[in-house]
Amino acid sequence: MNRAALRYAKAALSLAKKQNKEAVVNKDMQLIENTIAESKELQSFLNNPVFKAEQKLKAINAVFGGKIDEITKNVIQLLLKNKRLSLLPFVAKQYQYLFKKAQNVASAIVTTAVPLTDDLKEKVLNKIKQETGKEVSLQNIVDDSVIGGFILQIGDKQIDASISGKLNNLSRNFEKIEK
């Protein structure tokens, strides 16, 4: 499913580049991804085969209507036409990934037990910039199961410096000793 979404995202980015609207379409894709992720009802509706393509298009136009660019609307219509509308959130995510990659921006996700302060966020950003040599887009996810410390994910690399991670490692080591 991700390969198909990647193809649509590449096509959208290529078209956006030709019209010099990469950033505009990226904002649209962020809006689409966030809106769909936040609404279980919208997810269900878009994935429900009982509703016809025209009904889904009306709903999408009602939700996003004048907020999105023509290129983004064309991508949505193409997905509808090819009966691949369920890929829309994945296309949006892949587009954003390709856009950031083209802009030489690394995406990082830091998971902490409490929200990062602005000062700490700035320190994390600077450290990642120093390590990667790229600009960084940082997302902070708050998950109290981390207990303390952090889990940092940059691309396919992950650094687990959380208390829960250390406790899990300790538990695994004890299990090995018992055997």
C-alpha atoms as a PDB file:
ATOM      1  CA  MET A   1       0.000   0.000   0.000  1.00  0.00           C
ATOM      2  CA  ASN A   2       2.844   2.413   0.777  1.00  0.00           C
ATOM      3  CA  ARG A   3       4.442   1.893  -2.644  1.00  0.00           C
ATOM      4  CA  ALA A   4       1.237   2.977  -4.354  1.00  0.00           C
ATOM      5  CA  ALA A   5       0.966   5.974  -2.021  1.00  0.00           C
ATOM      6  CA  LEU A   6       4.585   6.835  -2.768  1.00  0.00           C
ATOM      7  CA  ARG A   7       3.899   6.814  -6.522  1.00  0.00           C
ATOM      8  CA  TYR A   8       0.962   9.189  -6.129  1.00  0.00           C
ATOM      9  CA  ALA A   9       3.014  11.421  -3.817  1.00  0.00           C
ATOM     10  CA  LYS A  10       5.916  11.524  -6.304  1.00  0.00           C
ATOM     11  CA  ALA A  11       3.547  12.465  -9.113  1.00  0.00           C
ATOM     12  CA  ALA A  12       1.975  15.198  -6.975  1.00  0.00           C
ATOM     13  CA  LEU A  13       5.384  16.583  -6.013  1.00  0.00           C
ATOM     14  CA  SER A  14       6.542  16.544  -9.618  1.00  0.00           C
ATOM     15  CA  LEU A  15       3.467  18.479 -10.725  1.00  0.00           C
ATOM     16  CA  ALA A  16       3.787  20.889  -7.807  1.00  0.00           C
ATOM     17  CA  LYS A  17       7.440  21.561  -8.710  1.00  0.00           C
ATOM     18  CA  LYS A  18       6.482  22.394 -12.280  1.00  0.00           C
ATOM     19  CA  GLN A  19       4.039  24.988 -10.968  1.00  0.00           C
ATOM     20  CA  ASN A  20       6.350  26.102  -8.142  1.00  0.00           C
ATOM     21  CA  LYS A  21       3.750  25.150  -5.525  1.00  0.00           C
ATOM     22  CA  GLU A  22       5.597  22.460  -3.540  1.00  0.00           C
ATOM     23  CA  ALA A  23       5.204  24.283  -0.217  1.00  0.00           C
ATOM     24  CA  VAL A  24       1.531  25.082  -0.852  1.00  0.00           C
ATOM     25  CA  VAL A  25       0.711  21.430  -1.594  1.00  0.00           C
ATOM     26  CA  ASN A  26       2.788  20.367   1.430  1.00  0.00           C
ATOM     27  CA  LYS A  27       0.582  22.525   3.684  1.00  0.00           C
ATOM     28  CA  ASP A  28      -2.473  20.929   2.072  1.00  0.00           C
ATOM     29  CA  MET A  29      -1.083  17.463   2.726  1.00  0.00           C
ATOM     30  CA  GLN A  30      -0.401  18.349   6.361  1.00  0.00           C
ATOM     31  CA  LEU A  31      -3.972  19.589   6.709  1.00  0.00           C
ATOM     32  CA  ILE A  32      -5.361  16.428   5.096  1.00  0.00           C
ATOM     33  CA  GLU A  33      -3.252  14.063   7.175  1.00  0.00           C
ATOM     34  CA  ASN A  34      -4.044  15.831  10.455  1.00  0.00           C
ATOM     35  CA  THR A  35      -7.761  16.183   9.720  1.00  0.00           C
ATOM     36  CA  ILE A  36      -8.178  12.523   8.771  1.00  0.00           C
ATOM     37  CA  ALA A  37      -6.059  11.339  11.712  1.00  0.00           C
ATOM     38  CA  GLU A  38      -8.170  13.366  14.164  1.00  0.00           C
ATOM     39  CA  SER A  39     -11.543  12.196  12.812  1.00  0.00           C
ATOM     40  CA  LYS A  40     -12.436   8.516  13.129  1.00  0.00           C
ATOM     41  CA  GLU A  41     -15.776   9.299  11.463  1.00  0.00           C
ATOM     42  CA  LEU A  42     -14.062  10.739   8.385  1.00  0.00           C
ATOM     43  CA  GLN A  43     -11.694   7.746   8.235  1.00  0.00           C
ATOM     44  CA  SER A  44     -14.609   5.327   8.386  1.00  0.00           C
ATOM     45  CA  PHE A  45     -16.580   7.245   5.788  1.00  0.00           C
ATOM     46  CA  LEU A  46     -13.689   7.436   3.296  1.00  0.00           C
ATOM     47  CA  ASN A  47     -12.879   3.735   3.703  1.00  0.00           C
ATOM     48  CA  ASN A  48     -16.505   2.558   3.545  1.00  0.00           C
ATOM     49  CA  PRO A  49     -17.242   0.904   0.161  1.00  0.00           C
ATOM     50  CA  VAL A  50     -21.001   1.461   0.591  1.00  0.00           C
ATOM     51  CA  PHE A  51     -20.635   5.174  -0.174  1.00  0.00           C
ATOM     52  CA  LYS A  52     -20.161   6.132  -3.813  1.00  0.00           C
ATOM     53  CA  ALA A  53     -17.197   8.152  -5.083  1.00  0.00           C
ATOM     54  CA  GLU A  54     -19.431  11.180  -5.713  1.00  0.00           C
ATOM     55  CA  GLN A  55     -20.595  11.174  -2.089  1.00  0.00           C
ATOM     56  CA  LYS A  56     -17.014  10.951  -0.864  1.00  0.00           C
ATOM     57  CA  LEU A  57     -15.949  13.790  -3.152  1.00  0.00           C
ATOM     58  CA  LYS A  58     -18.789  15.976  -1.820  1.00  0.00           C
ATOM     59  CA  ALA A  59     -17.711  15.231   1.741  1.00  0.00           C
ATOM     60  CA  ILE A  60     -14.058  15.998   0.982  1.00  0.00           C
ATOM     61  CA  ASN A  61     -15.051  19.247  -0.720  1.00  0.00           C
ATOM     62  CA  ALA A  62     -17.179  20.149   2.300  1.00  0.00           C
ATOM     63  CA  VAL A  63     -14.284  19.490   4.676  1.00  0.00           C
ATOM     64  CA  PHE A  64     -11.388  20.899   2.631  1.00  0.00           C
ATOM     65  CA  GLY A  65     -13.173  22.874  -0.127  1.00  0.00           C
ATOM     66  CA  GLY A  66     -11.570  26.276  -0.527  1.00  0.00           C
ATOM     67  CA  LYS A  67      -8.707  25.441   1.817  1.00  0.00           C
ATOM     68  CA  ILE A  68      -6.649  23.363  -0.632  1.00  0.00           C
ATOM     69  CA  ASP A  69      -4.873  24.039  -3.922  1.00  0.00           C
ATOM     70  CA  GLU A  70      -6.041  22.773  -7.309  1.00  0.00           C
ATOM     71  CA  ILE A  71      -3.125  20.298  -7.494  1.00  0.00           C
ATOM     72  CA  THR A  72      -4.232  18.707  -4.230  1.00  0.00           C
ATOM     73  CA  LYS A  73      -7.835  18.548  -5.461  1.00  0.00           C
ATOM     74  CA  ASN A  74      -6.613  16.793  -8.627  1.00  0.00           C
ATOM     75  CA  VAL A  75      -4.707  14.218  -6.566  1.00  0.00           C
ATOM     76  CA  ILE A  76      -7.863  13.495  -4.564  1.00  0.00           C
ATOM     77  CA  GLN A  77      -9.935  13.163  -7.748  1.00  0.00           C
ATOM     78  CA  LEU A  78      -7.345  10.816  -9.251  1.00  0.00           C
ATOM     79  CA  LEU A  79      -7.433   8.650  -6.130  1.00  0.00           C
ATOM     80  CA  LEU A  80     -11.242   8.579  -6.331  1.00  0.00           C
ATOM     81  CA  LYS A  81     -11.207   7.742 -10.030  1.00  0.00           C
ATOM     82  CA  ASN A  82      -8.764   4.862  -9.434  1.00  0.00           C
ATOM     83  CA  LYS A  83     -10.752   3.650  -6.400  1.00  0.00           C
ATOM     84  CA  ARG A  84      -7.735   4.290  -4.153  1.00  0.00           C
ATOM     85  CA  LEU A  85      -9.150   6.978  -1.872  1.00  0.00           C
ATOM     86  CA  SER A  86      -8.192   4.902   1.172  1.00  0.00           C
ATOM     87  CA  LEU A  87      -4.588   5.812   0.293  1.00  0.00           C
ATOM     88  CA  LEU A  88      -5.202   9.540   0.816  1.00  0.00           C
ATOM     89  CA  PRO A  89      -3.665   9.808   4.326  1.00  0.00           C
ATOM     90  CA  PHE A  90      -0.689   7.706   3.190  1.00  0.00           C
ATOM     91  CA  VAL A  91      -0.206   9.841   0.075  1.00  0.00           C
ATOM     92  CA  ALA A  92      -0.297  12.943   2.288  1.00  0.00           C
ATOM     93  CA  LYS A  93       2.329  11.471   4.618  1.00  0.00           C
ATOM     94  CA  GLN A  94       4.565  10.324   1.736  1.00  0.00           C
ATOM     95  CA  TYR A  95       4.297  13.727   0.042  1.00  0.00           C
ATOM     96  CA  GLN A  96       5.445  15.464   3.212  1.00  0.00           C
ATOM     97  CA  TYR A  97       8.345  13.033   3.530  1.00  0.00           C
ATOM     98  CA  LEU A  98       9.426  13.627  -0.093  1.00  0.00           C
ATOM     99  CA  PHE A  99       9.023  17.391   0.301  1.00  0.00           C
ATOM    100  CA  LYS A 100      11.208  17.464   3.418  1.00  0.00           C
ATOM    101  CA  LYS A 101      13.785  15.235   1.744  1.00  0.00           C
ATOM    102  CA  ALA A 102      13.907  17.570  -1.270  1.00  0.00           C
ATOM    103  CA  GLN A 103      14.347  20.524   1.087  1.00  0.00           C
ATOM    104  CA  ASN A 104      17.153  18.641   2.925  1.00  0.00           C
ATOM    105  CA  VAL A 105      15.094  18.594   6.119  1.00  0.00           C
ATOM    106  CA  ALA A 106      15.321  15.646   8.498  1.00  0.00           C
ATOM    107  CA  SER A 107      12.259  14.596  10.458  1.00  0.00           C
ATOM    108  CA  ALA A 108      12.731  13.771  14.107  1.00  0.00           C
ATOM    109  CA  ILE A 109      10.258  12.563  16.690  1.00  0.00           C
ATOM    110  CA  VAL A 110      11.091  12.842  20.371  1.00  0.00           C
ATOM    111  CA  THR A 111       8.838  11.022  22.814  1.00  0.00           C
ATOM    112  CA  THR A 112       8.920  12.266  26.396  1.00  0.00           C
ATOM    113  CA  ALA A 113       6.847  11.834  29.549  1.00  0.00           C
ATOM    114  CA  VAL A 114       6.142  15.581  29.690  1.00  0.00           C
ATOM    115  CA  PRO A 115       6.098  18.235  26.938  1.00  0.00           C
ATOM    116  CA  LEU A 116       9.505  19.670  26.010  1.00  0.00           C
ATOM    117  CA  THR A 117      10.177  23.236  27.059  1.00  0.00           C
ATOM    118  CA  ASP A 118      11.118  25.654  24.279  1.00  0.00           C
ATOM    119  CA  ASP A 119      14.682  25.796  25.605  1.00  0.00           C
ATOM    120  CA  LEU A 120      15.055  22.017  25.626  1.00  0.00           C
ATOM    121  CA  LYS A 121      13.438  21.707  22.205  1.00  0.00           C
ATOM    122  CA  GLU A 122      15.985  24.194  20.844  1.00  0.00           C
ATOM    123  CA  LYS A 123      18.864  22.192  22.369  1.00  0.00           C
ATOM    124  CA  VAL A 124      17.557  18.959  20.841  1.00  0.00           C
ATOM    125  CA  LEU A 125      17.147  20.631  17.439  1.00  0.00           C
ATOM    126  CA  ASN A 126      20.683  22.028  17.541  1.00  0.00           C
ATOM    127  CA  LYS A 127      22.162  18.659  18.533  1.00  0.00           C
ATOM    128  CA  ILE A 128      20.327  16.863  15.714  1.00  0.00           C
ATOM    129  CA  LYS A 129      21.371  19.552  13.199  1.00  0.00           C
ATOM    130  CA  GLN A 130      24.962  19.131  14.356  1.00  0.00           C
ATOM    131  CA  GLU A 131      24.797  15.321  13.977  1.00  0.00           C
ATOM    132  CA  THR A 132      22.954  15.169  10.644  1.00  0.00           C
ATOM    133  CA  GLY A 133      24.104  18.359   8.956  1.00  0.00           C
ATOM    134  CA  LYS A 134      20.473  18.981   7.959  1.00  0.00           C
ATOM    135  CA  GLU A 135      17.680  21.269   8.987  1.00  0.00           C
ATOM    136  CA  VAL A 136      15.330  19.439  11.332  1.00  0.00           C
ATOM    137  CA  SER A 137      11.585  19.223  11.743  1.00  0.00           C
ATOM    138  CA  LEU A 138      10.947  18.129  15.349  1.00  0.00           C
ATOM    139  CA  GLN A 139       7.739  16.618  16.657  1.00  0.00           C
ATOM    140  CA  ASN A 140       7.266  16.061  20.395  1.00  0.00           C
ATOM    141  CA  ILE A 141       5.003  13.205  21.430  1.00  0.00           C
ATOM    142  CA  VAL A 142       4.007  13.043  25.082  1.00  0.00           C
ATOM    143  CA  ASP A 143       3.663   9.500  26.445  1.00  0.00           C
ATOM    144  CA  ASP A 144       3.715   9.060  30.216  1.00  0.00           C
ATOM    145  CA  SER A 145       4.681   5.376  29.842  1.00  0.00           C
ATOM    146  CA  VAL A 146       8.191   6.639  28.995  1.00  0.00           C
ATOM    147  CA  ILE A 147       8.381   7.557  32.718  1.00  0.00           C
ATOM    148  CA  GLY A 148      11.434   9.796  32.201  1.00  0.00           C
ATOM    149  CA  GLY A 149      14.169  10.478  29.692  1.00  0.00           C
ATOM    150  CA  PHE A 150      13.332  10.347  25.985  1.00  0.00           C
ATOM    151  CA  ILE A 151      13.044   8.250  22.855  1.00  0.00           C
ATOM    152  CA  LEU A 152      14.441   9.990  19.782  1.00  0.00           C
ATOM    153  CA  GLN A 153      13.679   8.764  16.291  1.00  0.00           C
ATOM    154  CA  ILE A 154      15.383  10.261  13.237  1.00  0.00           C
ATOM    155  CA  GLY A 155      14.446   8.455  10.056  1.00  0.00           C
ATOM    156  CA  ASP A 156      15.076   4.764  10.703  1.00  0.00           C
ATOM    157  CA  LYS A 157      17.404   5.367  13.678  1.00  0.00           C
ATOM    158  CA  GLN A 158      16.121   5.288  17.229  1.00  0.00           C
ATOM    159  CA  ILE A 159      17.823   6.258  20.471  1.00  0.00           C
ATOM    160  CA  ASP A 160      16.024   5.002  23.568  1.00  0.00           C
ATOM    161  CA  ALA A 161      17.237   6.898  26.618  1.00  0.00           C
ATOM    162  CA  SER A 162      13.984   6.444  28.504  1.00  0.00           C
ATOM    163  CA  ILE A 163      13.542   5.038  31.990  1.00  0.00           C
ATOM    164  CA  SER A 164      11.005   2.507  30.658  1.00  0.00           C
ATOM    165  CA  GLY A 165      13.535   1.360  28.041  1.00  0.00           C
ATOM    166  CA  LYS A 166      16.208   0.893  30.686  1.00  0.00           C
ATOM    167  CA  LEU A 167      13.769  -1.026  32.909  1.00  0.00           C
ATOM    168  CA  ASN A 168      12.852  -3.300  29.983  1.00  0.00           C
ATOM    169  CA  ASN A 169      16.535  -3.986  29.287  1.00  0.00           C
ATOM    170  CA  LEU A 170      17.141  -4.743  32.938  1.00  0.00           C
ATOM    171  CA  SER A 171      14.164  -7.107  32.986  1.00  0.00           C
ATOM    172  CA  ARG A 172      15.443  -8.946  29.879  1.00  0.00           C
ATOM    173  CA  ASN A 173      18.885  -9.291  31.468  1.00  0.00           C
ATOM    174  CA  PHE A 174      17.357 -10.813  34.599  1.00  0.00           C
ATOM    175  CA  GLU A 175      15.364 -13.246  32.470  1.00  0.00           C
ATOM    176  CA  LYS A 176      18.571 -14.372  30.734  1.00  0.00           C
ATOM    177  CA  ILE A 177      20.264 -14.903  34.094  1.00  0.00           C
ATOM    178  CA  GLU A 178      17.337 -16.989  35.395  1.00  0.00           C
ATOM    179  CA  LYS A 179      17.507 -19.328  32.383  1.00  0.00           C
END
